[in-house]
Each structure stands twice: as structure tokens, then as C-alpha cells.
Amino acid sequence: MHKGILLVAVHFITLACVLYTIGVWAERIRRKLKWWHTIFFWAGFISDTTGTTAMGIMAGSFFRSTFHGITGLSAILLMLFHAIWATIVLVRKDEKMILNFHRFSIIVWIIWLIPMVSGIILGAKF
């Protein structure tokens, strides 16, 4: 059973990496937040949460007070805030924020990479 859960977790976390990276870097290159970027932020968040939940089921715990656990929870919360804030900025049609949002996005993405990389390192040890 753990093998199936592991495959689900790896699939969704990898998908999160691809989707979130596309959204963040496309916005960064364009230098203007668009709705489709925000859809990729939300899809990355949902995929990461799904993969993390599967890992939690497999580990028998949804949170551990470790470097990976703390940075992982922080990253998911930041991704959620990032997607919500992007949605608010677009709904408000705040042109200044729309043009500067990519600065915030890249910071969130870099922070998100910390648990992603630490998870890969931890996973490679098993």
C-alpha cells in the first residue's frame, strides 16, 4: 500500500513543481500578472497539498517538527497566501500590483524550493 501512496505523492509533488514553476516564471518573464498565471498558482498549490497529504498518510503524521516539516508547512501556507493575493489583485484590477506582483512571486517560489529540495534529499536516503 505504501508504494501506491508514494507514487501518488511523488506524482503530485512533481506536478506541483512543474505547475507552480510555469506560473511563477511565466509571470516573471511577462512582468504582468495574468489570470492564467493565477490558475497555475492554484493548481500548484492544490497539487502540492495533495502530494503532501499523501506523504503524511504514508508517514502516519501530517506534521513533524523537523526542518522539512516546518519549511514544508510554511511553503504550503505561503503558496496559499500567494494564490489568494494574486486573485485579489486581479479582481481589484490594481494595475500597479499587477505589474509588480512578479517580485513577490519569485520570493515565494524560492522559499517553496527549500522543502522541495530537502524532500528530494530525504527521499534519496531511503
N, C-alpha and C. Protein backbone atom coordinates (compact mmCIF):
# COMPACT_ATOMS: atom_id res chain seq x y z
N MET A 1 0.82 -1.21 0.00
CA MET A 1 0.00 0.00 0.00
C MET A 1 0.86 1.26 0.00
N HIS A 2 1.97 1.25 0.73
CA HIS A 2 2.82 2.43 0.78
C HIS A 2 3.40 2.78 -0.59
N LYS A 3 3.65 1.76 -1.41
CA LYS A 3 4.21 2.02 -2.74
C LYS A 3 3.23 2.84 -3.58
N GLY A 4 1.94 2.50 -3.52
CA GLY A 4 0.93 3.24 -4.25
C GLY A 4 0.79 4.67 -3.75
N ILE A 5 0.81 4.84 -2.44
CA ILE A 5 0.72 6.18 -1.85
C ILE A 5 1.96 6.99 -2.21
N LEU A 6 3.12 6.35 -2.18
CA LEU A 6 4.36 7.03 -2.54
C LEU A 6 4.30 7.52 -3.99
N LEU A 7 3.79 6.68 -4.89
CA LEU A 7 3.67 7.08 -6.29
C LEU A 7 2.72 8.28 -6.45
N VAL A 8 1.62 8.27 -5.73
CA VAL A 8 0.68 9.39 -5.76
C VAL A 8 1.37 10.65 -5.25
N ALA A 9 2.07 10.52 -4.12
CA ALA A 9 2.75 11.67 -3.52
C ALA A 9 3.79 12.25 -4.46
N VAL A 10 4.64 11.40 -5.00
CA VAL A 10 5.70 11.86 -5.90
C VAL A 10 5.09 12.49 -7.16
N HIS A 11 4.06 11.86 -7.68
CA HIS A 11 3.40 12.41 -8.88
C HIS A 11 2.87 13.82 -8.62
N PHE A 12 2.13 13.99 -7.53
CA PHE A 12 1.52 15.29 -7.26
C PHE A 12 2.53 16.35 -6.85
N ILE A 13 3.55 15.97 -6.13
CA ILE A 13 4.56 16.96 -5.75
C ILE A 13 5.38 17.38 -6.97
N THR A 14 5.67 16.43 -7.86
CA THR A 14 6.36 16.78 -9.11
C THR A 14 5.46 17.66 -9.98
N LEU A 15 4.19 17.31 -10.05
CA LEU A 15 3.23 18.13 -10.80
C LEU A 15 3.16 19.54 -10.23
N ALA A 16 3.17 19.64 -8.90
CA ALA A 16 3.16 20.95 -8.25
C ALA A 16 4.37 21.76 -8.66
N CYS A 17 5.52 21.12 -8.69
CA CYS A 17 6.75 21.81 -9.08
C CYS A 17 6.63 22.35 -10.50
N VAL A 18 6.15 21.53 -11.41
CA VAL A 18 6.01 21.94 -12.80
C VAL A 18 5.00 23.08 -12.93
N LEU A 19 3.82 22.91 -12.36
CA LEU A 19 2.76 23.92 -12.50
C LEU A 19 3.13 25.24 -11.84
N TYR A 20 3.64 25.16 -10.62
CA TYR A 20 3.98 26.38 -9.88
C TYR A 20 5.14 27.12 -10.56
N THR A 21 6.11 26.36 -11.03
CA THR A 21 7.26 26.96 -11.72
C THR A 21 6.82 27.64 -13.01
N ILE A 22 5.95 27.00 -13.77
CA ILE A 22 5.44 27.62 -15.00
C ILE A 22 4.72 28.92 -14.67
N GLY A 23 3.84 28.89 -13.68
CA GLY A 23 3.10 30.09 -13.31
C GLY A 23 4.01 31.23 -12.87
N VAL A 24 4.95 30.92 -11.99
CA VAL A 24 5.84 31.96 -11.45
C VAL A 24 6.76 32.52 -12.53
N TRP A 25 7.40 31.64 -13.29
CA TRP A 25 8.37 32.14 -14.28
C TRP A 25 7.69 32.77 -15.49
N ALA A 26 6.53 32.29 -15.88
CA ALA A 26 5.80 32.95 -16.97
C ALA A 26 5.41 34.36 -16.56
N GLU A 27 4.98 34.50 -15.32
CA GLU A 27 4.62 35.83 -14.82
C GLU A 27 5.86 36.71 -14.74
N ARG A 28 6.95 36.15 -14.27
CA ARG A 28 8.22 36.90 -14.15
C ARG A 28 8.69 37.39 -15.52
N ILE A 29 8.64 36.53 -16.50
CA ILE A 29 9.08 36.89 -17.86
C ILE A 29 8.14 37.94 -18.46
N ARG A 30 6.86 37.76 -18.26
CA ARG A 30 5.85 38.68 -18.80
C ARG A 30 5.84 40.01 -18.04
N ARG A 31 6.21 39.95 -16.74
CA ARG A 31 6.22 41.12 -15.85
C ARG A 31 4.83 41.75 -15.71
N LYS A 32 3.83 40.89 -15.83
CA LYS A 32 2.45 41.34 -15.63
C LYS A 32 1.62 40.14 -15.25
N LEU A 33 1.00 40.20 -14.08
CA LEU A 33 0.17 39.10 -13.60
C LEU A 33 -1.07 38.95 -14.47
N LYS A 34 -1.30 37.72 -14.91
CA LYS A 34 -2.48 37.39 -15.71
C LYS A 34 -3.28 36.31 -14.98
N TRP A 35 -4.54 36.17 -15.38
CA TRP A 35 -5.38 35.15 -14.75
C TRP A 35 -4.80 33.75 -14.92
N TRP A 36 -4.23 33.48 -16.09
CA TRP A 36 -3.72 32.12 -16.30
C TRP A 36 -2.55 31.82 -15.38
N HIS A 37 -1.75 32.83 -15.01
CA HIS A 37 -0.68 32.62 -14.03
C HIS A 37 -1.30 32.19 -12.69
N THR A 38 -2.35 32.90 -12.32
CA THR A 38 -3.01 32.62 -11.04
C THR A 38 -3.61 31.21 -11.04
N ILE A 39 -4.13 30.77 -12.16
CA ILE A 39 -4.64 29.41 -12.26
C ILE A 39 -3.51 28.40 -12.02
N PHE A 40 -2.34 28.69 -12.56
CA PHE A 40 -1.18 27.81 -12.32
C PHE A 40 -0.75 27.86 -10.85
N PHE A 41 -0.85 29.03 -10.21
CA PHE A 41 -0.53 29.11 -8.77
C PHE A 41 -1.47 28.21 -7.98
N TRP A 42 -2.77 28.31 -8.27
CA TRP A 42 -3.76 27.50 -7.57
C TRP A 42 -3.56 26.01 -7.85
N ALA A 43 -3.29 25.67 -9.11
CA ALA A 43 -3.07 24.26 -9.47
C ALA A 43 -1.82 23.71 -8.78
N GLY A 44 -0.77 24.53 -8.70
CA GLY A 44 0.44 24.11 -7.99
C GLY A 44 0.16 23.90 -6.52
N PHE A 45 -0.58 24.81 -5.92
CA PHE A 45 -0.94 24.69 -4.51
C PHE A 45 -1.75 23.42 -4.25
N ILE A 46 -2.77 23.19 -5.07
CA ILE A 46 -3.61 22.00 -4.89
C ILE A 46 -2.80 20.72 -5.08
N SER A 47 -1.93 20.70 -6.08
CA SER A 47 -1.10 19.52 -6.32
C SER A 47 -0.13 19.29 -5.17
N ASP A 48 0.48 20.36 -4.67
CA ASP A 48 1.42 20.23 -3.55
C ASP A 48 0.71 19.75 -2.30
N THR A 49 -0.46 20.29 -2.04
CA THR A 49 -1.24 19.88 -0.86
C THR A 49 -1.65 18.41 -0.98
N THR A 50 -2.04 17.99 -2.17
CA THR A 50 -2.41 16.60 -2.41
C THR A 50 -1.22 15.68 -2.18
N GLY A 51 -0.07 16.03 -2.76
CA GLY A 51 1.13 15.22 -2.59
C GLY A 51 1.61 15.17 -1.15
N THR A 52 1.55 16.32 -0.48
CA THR A 52 1.96 16.39 0.92
C THR A 52 1.01 15.57 1.81
N THR A 53 -0.27 15.61 1.50
CA THR A 53 -1.24 14.81 2.25
C THR A 53 -0.95 13.32 2.08
N ALA A 54 -0.65 12.92 0.86
CA ALA A 54 -0.30 11.51 0.61
C ALA A 54 0.96 11.12 1.40
N MET A 55 1.95 12.00 1.42
CA MET A 55 3.16 11.73 2.21
C MET A 55 2.83 11.62 3.70
N GLY A 56 1.93 12.49 4.16
CA GLY A 56 1.51 12.44 5.56
C GLY A 56 0.82 11.14 5.92
N ILE A 57 -0.01 10.66 5.01
CA ILE A 57 -0.69 9.38 5.22
C ILE A 57 0.35 8.26 5.31
N MET A 58 1.30 8.30 4.42
CA MET A 58 2.33 7.27 4.40
C MET A 58 3.20 7.32 5.65
N ALA A 59 3.51 8.52 6.11
CA ALA A 59 4.37 8.70 7.29
C ALA A 59 3.61 8.49 8.60
N GLY A 60 2.28 8.51 8.53
CA GLY A 60 1.48 8.35 9.74
C GLY A 60 1.37 9.62 10.54
N SER A 61 1.77 10.74 9.95
CA SER A 61 1.71 12.04 10.63
C SER A 61 1.70 13.14 9.57
N PHE A 62 0.84 14.12 9.76
CA PHE A 62 0.76 15.21 8.79
C PHE A 62 1.73 16.34 9.08
N PHE A 63 2.33 16.34 10.25
CA PHE A 63 3.32 17.36 10.56
C PHE A 63 4.34 16.82 11.53
N ARG A 64 5.57 17.09 11.23
CA ARG A 64 6.67 16.76 12.14
C ARG A 64 7.48 18.02 12.37
N SER A 65 7.91 18.19 13.59
CA SER A 65 8.68 19.38 13.96
C SER A 65 10.15 19.19 13.56
N THR A 66 10.35 19.09 12.25
CA THR A 66 11.69 18.96 11.68
C THR A 66 11.89 20.11 10.71
N PHE A 67 13.11 20.26 10.22
CA PHE A 67 13.38 21.29 9.22
C PHE A 67 12.44 21.16 8.03
N HIS A 68 12.34 19.93 7.51
CA HIS A 68 11.48 19.69 6.35
C HIS A 68 10.01 19.94 6.69
N GLY A 69 9.58 19.52 7.87
CA GLY A 69 8.19 19.71 8.27
C GLY A 69 7.83 21.18 8.42
N ILE A 70 8.69 21.93 9.06
CA ILE A 70 8.44 23.36 9.29
C ILE A 70 8.49 24.14 7.98
N THR A 71 9.53 23.90 7.17
CA THR A 71 9.62 24.63 5.90
C THR A 71 8.51 24.20 4.94
N GLY A 72 8.12 22.92 5.00
CA GLY A 72 7.04 22.44 4.14
C GLY A 72 5.71 23.08 4.47
N LEU A 73 5.38 23.14 5.76
CA LEU A 73 4.14 23.79 6.18
C LEU A 73 4.17 25.28 5.83
N SER A 74 5.31 25.91 6.07
CA SER A 74 5.46 27.34 5.73
C SER A 74 5.27 27.56 4.23
N ALA A 75 5.84 26.68 3.42
CA ALA A 75 5.74 26.82 1.97
C ALA A 75 4.30 26.66 1.49
N ILE A 76 3.59 25.68 2.04
CA ILE A 76 2.19 25.48 1.64
C ILE A 76 1.34 26.69 2.03
N LEU A 77 1.56 27.21 3.23
CA LEU A 77 0.82 28.40 3.66
C LEU A 77 1.16 29.60 2.79
N LEU A 78 2.44 29.75 2.43
CA LEU A 78 2.84 30.84 1.53
C LEU A 78 2.22 30.68 0.15
N MET A 79 2.19 29.46 -0.36
CA MET A 79 1.57 29.21 -1.66
C MET A 79 0.08 29.59 -1.63
N LEU A 80 -0.59 29.23 -0.54
CA LEU A 80 -2.00 29.57 -0.39
C LEU A 80 -2.17 31.09 -0.36
N PHE A 81 -1.38 31.76 0.46
CA PHE A 81 -1.46 33.22 0.53
C PHE A 81 -1.16 33.84 -0.83
N HIS A 82 -0.15 33.33 -1.52
CA HIS A 82 0.26 33.82 -2.83
C HIS A 82 -0.89 33.72 -3.84
N ALA A 83 -1.55 32.55 -3.88
CA ALA A 83 -2.66 32.36 -4.82
C ALA A 83 -3.85 33.25 -4.47
N ILE A 84 -4.15 33.37 -3.18
CA ILE A 84 -5.25 34.23 -2.75
C ILE A 84 -4.95 35.69 -3.09
N TRP A 85 -3.72 36.13 -2.78
CA TRP A 85 -3.35 37.53 -3.03
C TRP A 85 -3.37 37.82 -4.53
N ALA A 86 -2.89 36.89 -5.36
CA ALA A 86 -2.92 37.09 -6.81
C ALA A 86 -4.36 37.24 -7.29
N THR A 87 -5.25 36.43 -6.76
CA THR A 87 -6.66 36.51 -7.12
C THR A 87 -7.25 37.86 -6.73
N ILE A 88 -6.94 38.32 -5.53
CA ILE A 88 -7.43 39.62 -5.05
C ILE A 88 -6.91 40.75 -5.92
N VAL A 89 -5.63 40.72 -6.24
CA VAL A 89 -5.02 41.76 -7.07
C VAL A 89 -5.72 41.83 -8.43
N LEU A 90 -5.98 40.68 -9.03
CA LEU A 90 -6.64 40.68 -10.34
C LEU A 90 -8.10 41.11 -10.25
N VAL A 91 -8.79 40.68 -9.21
CA VAL A 91 -10.20 41.09 -9.04
C VAL A 91 -10.29 42.60 -8.85
N ARG A 92 -9.38 43.16 -8.07
CA ARG A 92 -9.37 44.61 -7.83
C ARG A 92 -8.87 45.40 -9.03
N LYS A 93 -8.23 44.71 -9.97
CA LYS A 93 -7.65 45.35 -11.16
C LYS A 93 -6.66 46.45 -10.77
N ASP A 94 -5.85 46.15 -9.76
CA ASP A 94 -4.84 47.08 -9.26
C ASP A 94 -3.62 47.01 -10.18
N GLU A 95 -3.56 47.93 -11.14
CA GLU A 95 -2.54 47.89 -12.19
C GLU A 95 -1.11 47.93 -11.64
N LYS A 96 -0.89 48.71 -10.61
CA LYS A 96 0.46 48.79 -10.02
C LYS A 96 0.86 47.43 -9.44
N MET A 97 -0.04 46.80 -8.71
CA MET A 97 0.25 45.48 -8.15
C MET A 97 0.36 44.42 -9.24
N ILE A 98 -0.46 44.54 -10.26
CA ILE A 98 -0.41 43.59 -11.38
C ILE A 98 0.97 43.61 -12.03
N LEU A 99 1.53 44.79 -12.15
CA LEU A 99 2.85 44.95 -12.78
C LEU A 99 4.01 44.61 -11.86
N ASN A 100 3.81 44.63 -10.56
CA ASN A 100 4.89 44.36 -9.62
C ASN A 100 4.76 43.02 -8.89
N PHE A 101 3.71 42.30 -9.16
CA PHE A 101 3.44 41.06 -8.42
C PHE A 101 4.55 40.02 -8.60
N HIS A 102 5.21 40.03 -9.75
CA HIS A 102 6.25 39.04 -10.03
C HIS A 102 7.39 39.08 -9.00
N ARG A 103 7.60 40.21 -8.38
CA ARG A 103 8.65 40.30 -7.35
C ARG A 103 8.29 39.46 -6.14
N PHE A 104 7.05 39.46 -5.77
CA PHE A 104 6.57 38.66 -4.66
C PHE A 104 6.57 37.17 -5.05
N SER A 105 6.13 36.89 -6.27
CA SER A 105 6.03 35.51 -6.73
C SER A 105 7.37 34.79 -6.68
N ILE A 106 8.42 35.44 -7.13
CA ILE A 106 9.72 34.78 -7.19
C ILE A 106 10.23 34.47 -5.78
N ILE A 107 9.94 35.33 -4.83
CA ILE A 107 10.36 35.09 -3.44
C ILE A 107 9.63 33.87 -2.88
N VAL A 108 8.33 33.81 -3.11
CA VAL A 108 7.55 32.66 -2.64
C VAL A 108 8.06 31.37 -3.29
N TRP A 109 8.35 31.42 -4.57
CA TRP A 109 8.84 30.24 -5.29
C TRP A 109 10.18 29.77 -4.72
N ILE A 110 11.08 30.70 -4.45
CA ILE A 110 12.39 30.33 -3.88
C ILE A 110 12.21 29.68 -2.51
N ILE A 111 11.34 30.26 -1.69
CA ILE A 111 11.07 29.68 -0.37
C ILE A 111 10.44 28.29 -0.54
N TRP A 112 9.56 28.13 -1.51
CA TRP A 112 8.92 26.85 -1.77
C TRP A 112 9.93 25.78 -2.16
N LEU A 113 10.99 26.20 -2.85
CA LEU A 113 12.00 25.23 -3.28
C LEU A 113 12.75 24.58 -2.11
N ILE A 114 12.83 25.26 -0.98
CA ILE A 114 13.58 24.72 0.17
C ILE A 114 13.01 23.37 0.62
N PRO A 115 11.72 23.25 0.94
CA PRO A 115 11.22 21.92 1.31
C PRO A 115 11.17 20.96 0.13
N MET A 116 11.03 21.48 -1.08
CA MET A 116 11.05 20.61 -2.26
C MET A 116 12.40 19.90 -2.35
N VAL A 117 13.47 20.66 -2.25
CA VAL A 117 14.82 20.10 -2.33
C VAL A 117 15.13 19.22 -1.12
N SER A 118 14.75 19.69 0.08
CA SER A 118 15.02 18.88 1.27
C SER A 118 14.24 17.57 1.22
N GLY A 119 13.04 17.59 0.63
CA GLY A 119 12.27 16.36 0.47
C GLY A 119 12.94 15.39 -0.49
N ILE A 120 13.52 15.92 -1.55
CA ILE A 120 14.25 15.07 -2.50
C ILE A 120 15.46 14.45 -1.82
N ILE A 121 16.18 15.26 -1.05
CA ILE A 121 17.36 14.76 -0.34
C ILE A 121 16.96 13.70 0.67
N LEU A 122 15.93 13.97 1.44
CA LEU A 122 15.45 12.99 2.43
C LEU A 122 14.97 11.71 1.76
N GLY A 123 14.26 11.87 0.65
CA GLY A 123 13.74 10.71 -0.08
C GLY A 123 14.86 9.86 -0.67
N ALA A 124 15.95 10.50 -1.07
CA ALA A 124 17.07 9.77 -1.65
C ALA A 124 17.79 8.90 -0.63
N LYS A 125 17.62 9.21 0.65
CA LYS A 125 18.28 8.45 1.71
C LYS A 125 17.59 7.11 1.98
N PHE A 126 16.36 6.95 1.46
CA PHE A 126 15.61 5.71 1.75
C PHE A 126 15.66 4.75 0.62
